[in-house]
């Protein structure tokens, strides 16, 4: 789906639940790759809707700001206000249909997307010890991605389309990471947390990017959730 259509559909549902620009903050957990933030992507549509954005993520879209980042962000929520959080890995699909590749402006050949995910996968595939996080803090985010992918490499290798499988595996990694970060400690009695997850697809050409929606839930103060995906 087009990112703007996903945002419009989720907004229509959330509006009926009391989410509005005046009482809602938006946080994003997507890879900082510039092709994900070009003015027409899904994260921009959510930012335009709610007015501001708190980036939770680093390489690959993992919420590397962690529990401290979440606590800082959520403490800014208006009294009895709400939060919308979007999490998504990304993957390229070029004009020839090659998954994991995309043409970037001014570069003749295709480039990888997500470069961090593909690089981590190839590193662990070549050396299973690459996922042991021995590199120190200078490249901590990449070391973490390799570590989290290490046990999944054999699930990816040999599949019909390894780069497509990698994107879904990255989604599962980010989803679990996010679940370990978010909480409702900030919430007032009527506050709600909307969680939207999926995969961003970077395609060749302007206004061609797509989004695969995979999750749409609303969490309440008591921890209960409403599954709104259908």
Foldseek 3Di string as FASTA:
>chain_A
DFLLVVVVVLCVVVVVLPAALVQEAEEEQEEPPVLCPPCRHNVNNVCVRNVHYHYQYYQQRARVVFQVSQVVVLLPGPAQGEYEYETAGEWEQEPVRQIQWYDDPPDDDTDGGVPLLVVLLVVCVVPLCLQVQPPDDPPNVSNPSNVLCSVVSVVQPPPPRSRVVSRVSSQVVRVVSVVNRDDLPSHDQNYKYWYWYWYWYRYYDPSPIDTGTDFTWIAGNVGDIDGPPD
